[in-house]
Amino acid sequence: MSTLKRWTGLAWETIDNGAKVVGGLGGTLISEQVLTSNQSSVTFSNLNSLVDGDYTLEIIAKSANTTASSLSCYINNDSTNGRYDGEYIAGGYNGSTHSTGAGTLLGAGAVVGYLASNASTNGCIATVKLKRISGKTLYTTHLYDERGTAKYVELFGGSYNQDVSITSLVISAGSGLIASGSTFRLYGSKLASNIISYDPINHTNFVADRLLKAGEVAYINYTSSTSVPLRIQTEEGLYEMDIMGDQSITIGTLGYVTLAPNNGSPSIAAGGIDCANIVQSLVSNADSSTAPSGDTQGTTRTNFMLAYAIAVKVSAKLSTMTKSKVVECNDIRRDSATQFYVERTFQNWLDTTTNWTSLGTITFPFAQSGKIVVRRII
């Protein structure tokens, strides 16, 4: 078992028991694991190198081995032979004689440490850098390890030759054991403890929900679509969403643009969402309009109404608090060649027990194209 801390975007969150860690060796700490029992491996999961940036891994490990074993890092848990290569140089001292060596590394995994036998006297300390570049991941390991009376300083460098983003790191002792009390810390270069601003994340091709940190922005491009899943896991908080639609498309069967929270599961009963709106109709290239009118639609709403016909521009604030699931929405929409509308809508999901855990799916009445941007506020 291990003690795990993670930065939430506002504060350090202790997932198990243990002291908070606020320092940064190579950026901002993403996660720390302190082993409370002997383990054969340590895993850092739910990573996103597009968000986190370059990684720095700090290892302070003791051996629990009866026989020696290397520590290998498997990117995305990929242990396929031949996908890793590299070189090393080493210098050692056994109490009376100095030695040096060098060689080529071929095989499975990036070398990040060495655990000798005899747990009471042996261990290692290492700093590992990983950087995505030119369709692969490059790594370097600066390592010091003890092997009884012998002491070694080693430098490893190589690459993982797969063109993929990093989603997990597995540090394995193979058939050996990492001793209780060993510490593993992972840092990200793009994160900063006093700044909660991130590069936008392209969610267009995501197939599973991802939790946004406070301050993170995700965007989804959609083309000729009637249904757009946002793939955003939600916690109790506040979000902003903007829809920017292509208004040059051909208008189809008129209907509402809606958001189905939790992707419609469980479904919301008719009248489960109270809705009040103020709308004004305008005529393009003419100084005339209808007077603003109001409406309530609490008897029929089963999803959040965001616009009608073509969603030219929608700006919404969404509270995902279990006891206050509310959407405030301003939109510009068009339902003919010359007629468009400006509208303000307030909607309240009356259920105060169901958790809003997935931001949901946007549904259009006919195929539309554009971009959706979502930002988590808190």
Protein backbone atom coordinates (compact mmCIF):
# COMPACT_ATOMS: atom_id res chain seq x y z
CA MET A 1 0.00 0.00 0.00
CA SER A 2 1.09 3.62 -0.49
CA THR A 3 0.29 7.16 0.59
CA LEU A 4 -0.90 9.26 -2.34
CA LYS A 5 -1.33 13.03 -2.71
CA ARG A 6 -2.63 14.85 -5.77
CA TRP A 7 -2.89 18.56 -6.70
CA THR A 8 -6.55 19.42 -7.37
CA GLY A 9 -5.90 22.86 -8.84
CA LEU A 10 -6.78 24.63 -5.58
CA ALA A 11 -5.11 22.60 -2.83
CA TRP A 12 -3.21 19.41 -2.06
CA GLU A 13 -5.60 16.50 -1.62
CA THR A 14 -4.44 13.60 0.55
CA ILE A 15 -6.04 10.48 -0.89
CA ASP A 16 -4.66 8.15 1.77
CA ASN A 17 -3.16 9.18 5.11
CA GLY A 18 0.13 11.04 5.16
CA ALA A 19 1.75 14.45 5.20
CA LYS A 20 1.23 16.98 2.44
CA VAL A 21 4.07 17.59 0.01
CA VAL A 22 4.27 21.02 -1.59
CA GLY A 23 7.77 21.15 -3.05
CA GLY A 24 8.81 20.70 -6.65
CA LEU A 25 11.97 19.04 -7.98
CA GLY A 26 11.09 19.36 -11.67
CA GLY A 27 7.91 21.43 -11.66
CA THR A 28 4.77 20.91 -9.62
CA LEU A 29 4.20 17.67 -7.78
CA ILE A 30 1.51 15.58 -9.44
CA SER A 31 1.65 12.62 -7.09
CA GLU A 32 3.76 11.10 -4.31
CA GLN A 33 3.73 7.48 -3.24
CA VAL A 34 5.40 6.30 -0.03
CA LEU A 35 5.28 2.53 0.22
CA THR A 36 3.86 1.09 3.43
CA SER A 37 4.67 -2.50 2.44
CA ASN A 38 7.06 -4.30 0.10
CA GLN A 39 5.86 -4.05 -3.51
CA SER A 40 7.02 -5.31 -6.87
CA SER A 41 5.85 -2.18 -8.73
CA VAL A 42 4.54 1.38 -8.39
CA THR A 43 2.00 2.92 -10.80
CA PHE A 44 1.22 6.55 -11.62
CA SER A 45 -2.09 6.52 -13.51
CA ASN A 46 -4.57 9.08 -14.94
CA LEU A 47 -1.74 11.11 -16.49
CA ASN A 48 -2.02 13.39 -19.51
CA SER A 49 1.32 14.57 -20.88
CA LEU A 50 -0.50 17.14 -23.05
CA VAL A 51 -1.59 18.84 -19.83
CA ASP A 52 1.22 17.90 -17.44
CA GLY A 53 4.13 18.64 -19.79
CA ASP A 54 7.51 16.97 -19.32
CA TYR A 55 7.79 14.58 -16.39
CA THR A 56 10.43 14.34 -13.68
CA LEU A 57 10.43 11.20 -11.52
CA GLU A 58 12.28 11.17 -8.19
CA ILE A 59 13.08 7.74 -6.71
CA ILE A 60 14.43 7.03 -3.23
CA ALA A 61 14.19 3.25 -2.97
CA LYS A 62 15.40 0.54 -0.66
CA SER A 63 15.85 -3.04 -1.71
CA ALA A 64 13.84 -5.95 -0.33
CA ASN A 65 15.52 -8.38 -2.71
CA THR A 66 17.18 -11.71 -2.13
CA THR A 67 18.62 -11.37 -5.63
CA ALA A 68 19.47 -8.18 -7.52
CA SER A 69 17.03 -6.59 -9.98
CA SER A 70 16.80 -3.45 -12.09
CA LEU A 71 13.98 -0.93 -11.77
CA SER A 72 12.32 -0.46 -15.16
CA CYS A 73 9.81 2.19 -16.18
CA TYR A 74 7.06 1.08 -18.56
CA ILE A 75 5.33 3.96 -20.36
CA ASN A 76 1.57 3.33 -20.59
CA ASN A 77 2.35 -0.10 -19.06
CA ASP A 78 3.96 -1.11 -22.37
CA SER A 79 6.58 -3.83 -21.75
CA THR A 80 6.92 -4.84 -25.42
CA ASN A 81 10.45 -5.95 -26.15
CA GLY A 82 12.29 -3.73 -28.62
CA ARG A 83 10.26 -0.56 -28.06
CA TYR A 84 12.94 0.87 -25.74
CA ASP A 85 16.61 1.50 -26.50
CA GLY A 86 19.45 3.50 -25.03
CA GLU A 87 23.01 3.82 -23.78
CA TYR A 88 24.67 3.99 -20.38
CA ILE A 89 27.94 4.93 -18.70
CA ALA A 90 28.87 3.94 -15.15
CA GLY A 91 31.59 4.37 -12.57
CA GLY A 92 32.02 2.29 -9.44
CA TYR A 93 34.17 1.82 -6.35
CA ASN A 94 34.26 -1.43 -4.39
CA GLY A 95 36.30 -0.21 -1.45
CA SER A 96 39.69 -0.62 -3.10
CA THR A 97 39.32 -0.37 -6.89
CA HIS A 98 37.65 2.11 -9.24
CA SER A 99 35.99 0.87 -12.44
CA THR A 100 34.15 2.36 -15.40
CA GLY A 101 31.89 0.92 -18.06
CA ALA A 102 29.56 1.73 -20.93
CA GLY A 103 27.16 -0.15 -23.14
CA THR A 104 23.98 -0.34 -25.18
CA LEU A 105 20.51 -1.03 -23.77
CA LEU A 106 17.94 -2.88 -25.85
CA GLY A 107 14.74 -4.44 -24.60
CA ALA A 108 11.63 -3.68 -22.59
CA GLY A 109 11.45 -0.68 -20.30
CA ALA A 110 13.54 2.37 -19.48
CA VAL A 111 16.11 1.71 -16.75
CA VAL A 112 15.40 4.00 -13.77
CA GLY A 113 17.11 2.25 -10.85
CA TYR A 114 18.92 -0.77 -9.46
CA LEU A 115 18.12 -2.79 -6.33
CA ALA A 116 20.86 -5.09 -5.11
CA SER A 117 20.33 -8.02 -2.78
CA ASN A 118 20.66 -7.67 1.01
CA ALA A 119 17.85 -5.26 1.86
CA SER A 120 19.37 -4.01 5.10
CA THR A 121 22.28 -2.22 3.40
CA ASN A 122 21.32 -1.52 -0.22
CA GLY A 123 19.24 1.06 -2.00
CA CYS A 124 19.28 3.66 -4.75
CA ILE A 125 18.41 7.26 -5.47
CA ALA A 126 17.54 8.42 -8.99
CA THR A 127 16.20 11.37 -10.95
CA VAL A 128 14.47 10.51 -14.22
CA LYS A 129 13.46 13.00 -16.96
CA LEU A 130 10.91 12.10 -19.65
CA LYS A 131 10.14 14.34 -22.62
CA ARG A 132 7.89 13.81 -25.65
CA ILE A 133 9.67 14.92 -28.82
CA SER A 134 9.64 13.99 -32.54
CA GLY A 135 7.14 11.16 -32.25
CA LYS A 136 8.82 9.40 -29.32
CA THR A 137 9.61 9.82 -25.62
CA LEU A 138 13.21 10.50 -24.61
CA TYR A 139 14.44 9.72 -21.11
CA THR A 140 17.53 10.20 -18.95
CA THR A 141 18.27 8.61 -15.57
CA HIS A 142 20.85 9.91 -13.10
CA LEU A 143 21.39 7.08 -10.60
CA TYR A 144 23.38 6.28 -7.49
CA ASP A 145 23.09 2.80 -6.01
CA GLU A 146 24.78 0.70 -3.34
CA ARG A 147 25.67 -2.96 -3.74
CA GLY A 148 27.18 -4.01 -0.44
CA THR A 149 30.63 -2.41 -0.26
CA ALA A 150 30.44 -1.29 -3.90
CA LYS A 151 29.01 2.11 -4.84
CA TYR A 152 27.99 3.08 -8.37
CA VAL A 153 27.15 6.31 -10.17
CA GLU A 154 25.37 5.71 -13.50
CA LEU A 155 23.85 7.70 -16.34
CA PHE A 156 21.24 6.13 -18.61
CA GLY A 157 19.64 7.69 -21.68
CA GLY A 158 17.33 6.37 -24.36
CA SER A 159 13.94 6.48 -26.00
CA TYR A 160 10.53 4.84 -26.12
CA ASN A 161 9.84 4.74 -29.86
CA GLN A 162 6.01 4.94 -29.85
CA ASP A 163 4.21 8.12 -30.96
CA VAL A 164 1.71 8.30 -28.09
CA SER A 165 0.99 10.67 -25.21
CA ILE A 166 1.80 9.43 -21.72
CA THR A 167 -1.19 8.27 -19.68
CA SER A 168 0.57 6.12 -17.07
CA LEU A 169 4.00 5.16 -15.75
CA VAL A 170 4.70 1.79 -14.13
CA ILE A 171 7.97 1.35 -12.22
CA SER A 172 8.66 -2.37 -11.83
CA ALA A 173 11.28 -4.35 -9.95
CA GLY A 174 10.57 -7.37 -12.13
CA SER A 175 10.90 -10.46 -9.97
CA GLY A 176 12.34 -8.34 -7.16
CA LEU A 177 10.77 -6.25 -4.41
CA ILE A 178 10.85 -2.55 -3.50
CA ALA A 179 11.01 -2.15 0.28
CA SER A 180 8.46 -0.45 2.49
CA GLY A 181 9.41 3.18 3.11
CA SER A 182 10.59 3.77 -0.46
CA THR A 183 9.39 7.06 -1.95
CA PHE A 184 8.38 7.89 -5.54
CA ARG A 185 7.46 11.43 -6.60
CA LEU A 186 6.24 12.54 -10.03
CA TYR A 187 6.35 16.18 -11.19
CA GLY A 188 4.91 17.93 -14.25
CA SER A 189 6.67 20.87 -15.89
CA LYS A 190 3.53 22.70 -17.07
CA LEU A 191 1.82 22.77 -13.69
CA ALA A 192 2.53 25.46 -11.13
CA SER A 193 1.26 25.56 -7.56
CA ASN A 194 0.39 29.27 -7.71
CA ILE A 195 -1.10 29.35 -11.23
CA ILE A 196 -4.29 27.58 -12.27
CA SER A 197 -4.15 28.24 -15.99
CA TYR A 198 -3.58 25.48 -18.52
CA ASP A 199 -3.24 25.00 -22.26
CA PRO A 200 -6.61 24.05 -23.80
CA ILE A 201 -7.17 20.30 -24.13
CA ASN A 202 -8.61 18.87 -27.33
CA HIS A 203 -11.45 16.54 -26.23
CA THR A 204 -12.70 15.96 -29.78
CA ASN A 205 -11.69 12.30 -30.00
CA PHE A 206 -11.91 11.36 -26.33
CA VAL A 207 -13.81 8.10 -25.77
CA ALA A 208 -14.08 8.33 -21.96
CA ASP A 209 -14.76 11.11 -19.49
CA ARG A 210 -11.82 13.08 -18.09
CA LEU A 211 -11.88 15.20 -14.94
CA LEU A 212 -10.97 18.86 -15.52
CA LYS A 213 -8.84 20.58 -12.88
CA ALA A 214 -9.93 24.05 -11.76
CA GLY A 215 -8.77 26.45 -14.47
CA GLU A 216 -8.47 23.82 -17.20
CA VAL A 217 -10.13 24.38 -20.58
CA ALA A 218 -11.33 21.66 -22.95
CA TYR A 219 -12.67 22.06 -26.47
CA ILE A 220 -14.57 19.80 -28.85
CA ASN A 221 -14.82 20.32 -32.61
CA TYR A 222 -17.95 18.89 -34.25
CA THR A 223 -18.84 18.53 -37.93
CA SER A 224 -22.28 17.64 -39.32
CA SER A 225 -23.24 16.23 -35.93
CA THR A 226 -26.56 15.81 -34.18
CA SER A 227 -25.06 14.48 -30.93
CA VAL A 228 -21.79 15.58 -29.27
CA PRO A 229 -20.68 13.85 -26.03
CA LEU A 230 -18.49 16.25 -24.04
CA ARG A 231 -16.48 13.51 -22.24
CA ILE A 232 -16.00 15.65 -19.14
CA GLN A 233 -16.27 14.11 -15.68
CA THR A 234 -17.74 16.60 -13.21
CA GLU A 235 -17.48 17.17 -9.49
CA GLU A 236 -19.46 19.61 -7.38
CA GLY A 237 -18.33 22.94 -8.80
CA LEU A 238 -18.91 25.65 -11.38
CA TYR A 239 -18.28 25.40 -15.14
CA GLU A 240 -18.53 27.71 -18.15
CA MET A 241 -19.48 26.49 -21.61
CA ASP A 242 -19.51 28.24 -24.97
CA ILE A 243 -20.93 26.88 -28.24
CA MET A 244 -19.87 28.60 -31.47
CA GLY A 245 -21.93 27.27 -34.35
CA ASP A 246 -21.62 27.54 -38.13
CA GLN A 247 -24.67 29.62 -39.10
CA SER A 248 -24.17 29.04 -42.84
CA ILE A 249 -25.57 25.50 -42.69
CA THR A 250 -28.95 24.58 -44.13
CA ILE A 251 -31.74 24.72 -41.57
CA GLY A 252 -33.49 21.40 -41.01
CA THR A 253 -36.43 20.40 -38.84
CA LEU A 254 -36.74 22.97 -36.08
CA GLY A 255 -36.18 21.92 -32.49
CA TYR A 256 -34.16 22.63 -29.36
CA VAL A 257 -30.42 22.38 -28.80
CA THR A 258 -30.19 20.56 -25.47
CA LEU A 259 -27.72 19.31 -22.88
CA ALA A 260 -28.45 15.90 -21.33
CA PRO A 261 -26.61 15.82 -17.97
CA ASN A 262 -25.02 12.45 -17.14
CA ASN A 263 -25.60 11.63 -20.84
CA GLY A 264 -29.26 10.94 -20.07
CA SER A 265 -28.62 8.13 -17.56
CA PRO A 266 -30.60 8.15 -15.42
CA SER A 267 -33.18 10.01 -17.48
CA ILE A 268 -34.92 13.06 -16.05
CA ALA A 269 -38.71 12.80 -15.74
CA ALA A 270 -40.92 15.29 -17.60
CA GLY A 271 -40.99 18.51 -15.61
CA GLY A 272 -37.79 17.59 -13.78
CA ILE A 273 -36.17 20.83 -14.95
CA ASP A 274 -37.79 24.20 -14.30
CA CYS A 275 -37.15 26.67 -17.13
CA ALA A 276 -37.84 30.39 -17.43
CA ASN A 277 -36.66 32.43 -20.39
CA ILE A 278 -36.76 35.90 -21.93
CA VAL A 279 -36.49 36.07 -25.72
CA GLN A 280 -36.43 38.84 -28.31
CA SER A 281 -36.80 38.34 -32.07
CA LEU A 282 -34.71 40.46 -34.44
CA VAL A 283 -34.78 40.82 -38.23
CA SER A 284 -31.44 40.90 -40.03
CA ASN A 285 -30.54 44.17 -41.80
CA ALA A 286 -33.69 45.88 -40.53
CA ASP A 287 -34.47 48.27 -37.69
CA SER A 288 -37.38 46.24 -36.36
CA SER A 289 -37.95 43.60 -33.76
CA THR A 290 -40.63 42.01 -31.68
CA ALA A 291 -41.02 43.01 -28.06
CA PRO A 292 -39.25 40.78 -25.52
CA SER A 293 -41.44 37.96 -24.27
CA GLY A 294 -41.18 35.56 -21.34
CA ASP A 295 -42.01 31.88 -21.02
CA THR A 296 -41.91 29.05 -18.53
CA GLN A 297 -41.52 25.44 -19.57
CA GLY A 298 -41.28 23.57 -16.29
CA THR A 299 -43.96 21.06 -17.31
CA THR A 300 -42.04 19.53 -20.19
CA ARG A 301 -38.28 19.96 -19.72
CA THR A 302 -36.30 16.72 -19.40
CA ASN A 303 -32.94 18.23 -20.45
CA PHE A 304 -31.35 21.66 -20.29
CA MET A 305 -32.42 23.89 -23.20
CA LEU A 306 -29.47 25.84 -24.64
CA ALA A 307 -30.85 27.26 -27.91
CA TYR A 308 -33.30 26.62 -30.73
CA ALA A 309 -32.61 25.68 -34.37
CA ILE A 310 -29.03 26.85 -35.12
CA ALA A 311 -26.91 27.58 -32.03
CA VAL A 312 -24.96 30.56 -33.42
CA LYS A 313 -23.43 31.50 -30.04
CA VAL A 314 -24.27 30.06 -26.62
CA SER A 315 -22.66 31.11 -23.33
CA ALA A 316 -23.68 29.17 -20.24
CA LYS A 317 -22.69 28.89 -16.59
CA LEU A 318 -23.38 25.52 -15.00
CA SER A 319 -23.49 24.74 -11.29
CA THR A 320 -22.97 21.00 -10.77
CA MET A 321 -23.61 21.05 -7.02
CA THR A 322 -25.87 18.13 -6.08
CA LYS A 323 -28.29 20.39 -4.23
CA SER A 324 -28.03 23.25 -6.73
CA LYS A 325 -27.88 21.98 -10.33
CA VAL A 326 -28.54 25.19 -12.25
CA VAL A 327 -27.80 26.42 -15.79
CA GLU A 328 -27.81 30.12 -16.70
CA CYS A 329 -27.66 30.58 -20.46
CA ASN A 330 -27.40 33.43 -22.97
CA ASP A 331 -27.77 32.52 -26.63
CA ILE A 332 -28.04 33.88 -30.13
CA ARG A 333 -29.95 31.55 -32.46
CA ARG A 334 -31.30 31.58 -35.98
CA ASP A 335 -34.26 29.70 -37.41
CA SER A 336 -34.64 31.32 -40.85
CA ALA A 337 -32.59 33.17 -43.43
CA THR A 338 -33.44 36.57 -41.97
CA GLN A 339 -34.83 35.97 -38.47
CA PHE A 340 -32.66 35.45 -35.43
CA TYR A 341 -33.21 35.66 -31.69
CA VAL A 342 -31.39 36.68 -28.53
CA GLU A 343 -32.45 34.79 -25.44
CA ARG A 344 -31.67 34.47 -21.74
CA THR A 345 -32.67 31.28 -19.95
CA PHE A 346 -32.60 30.14 -16.32
CA GLN A 347 -33.04 26.43 -15.58
CA ASN A 348 -33.08 24.45 -12.36
CA TRP A 349 -32.78 20.66 -12.10
CA LEU A 350 -35.18 20.05 -9.23
CA ASP A 351 -33.68 16.73 -8.09
CA THR A 352 -31.40 17.38 -5.08
CA THR A 353 -30.13 13.82 -4.57
CA THR A 354 -28.75 12.71 -7.97
CA ASN A 355 -25.08 13.59 -8.47
CA TRP A 356 -24.11 15.37 -11.70
CA THR A 357 -21.04 13.28 -12.54
CA SER A 358 -20.71 13.73 -16.33
CA LEU A 359 -21.26 17.11 -17.97
CA GLY A 360 -23.26 15.26 -20.59
CA THR A 361 -24.13 15.25 -24.28
CA ILE A 362 -25.18 18.13 -26.55
CA THR A 363 -27.98 17.24 -28.98
CA PHE A 364 -28.88 19.30 -32.06
CA PRO A 365 -32.26 19.09 -33.87
CA PHE A 366 -30.42 18.66 -37.19
CA ALA A 367 -26.77 18.22 -38.23
CA GLN A 368 -24.60 21.18 -37.24
CA SER A 369 -20.91 22.11 -37.13
CA GLY A 370 -18.82 24.25 -34.80
CA LYS A 371 -16.78 24.25 -31.60
CA ILE A 372 -17.66 23.75 -27.92
CA VAL A 373 -15.40 25.14 -25.19
CA VAL A 374 -15.72 24.15 -21.51
CA ARG A 375 -13.80 25.69 -18.61
CA ARG A 376 -13.91 24.61 -14.97
CA ILE A 377 -14.04 27.58 -12.59
CA ILE A 378 -13.88 25.80 -9.21
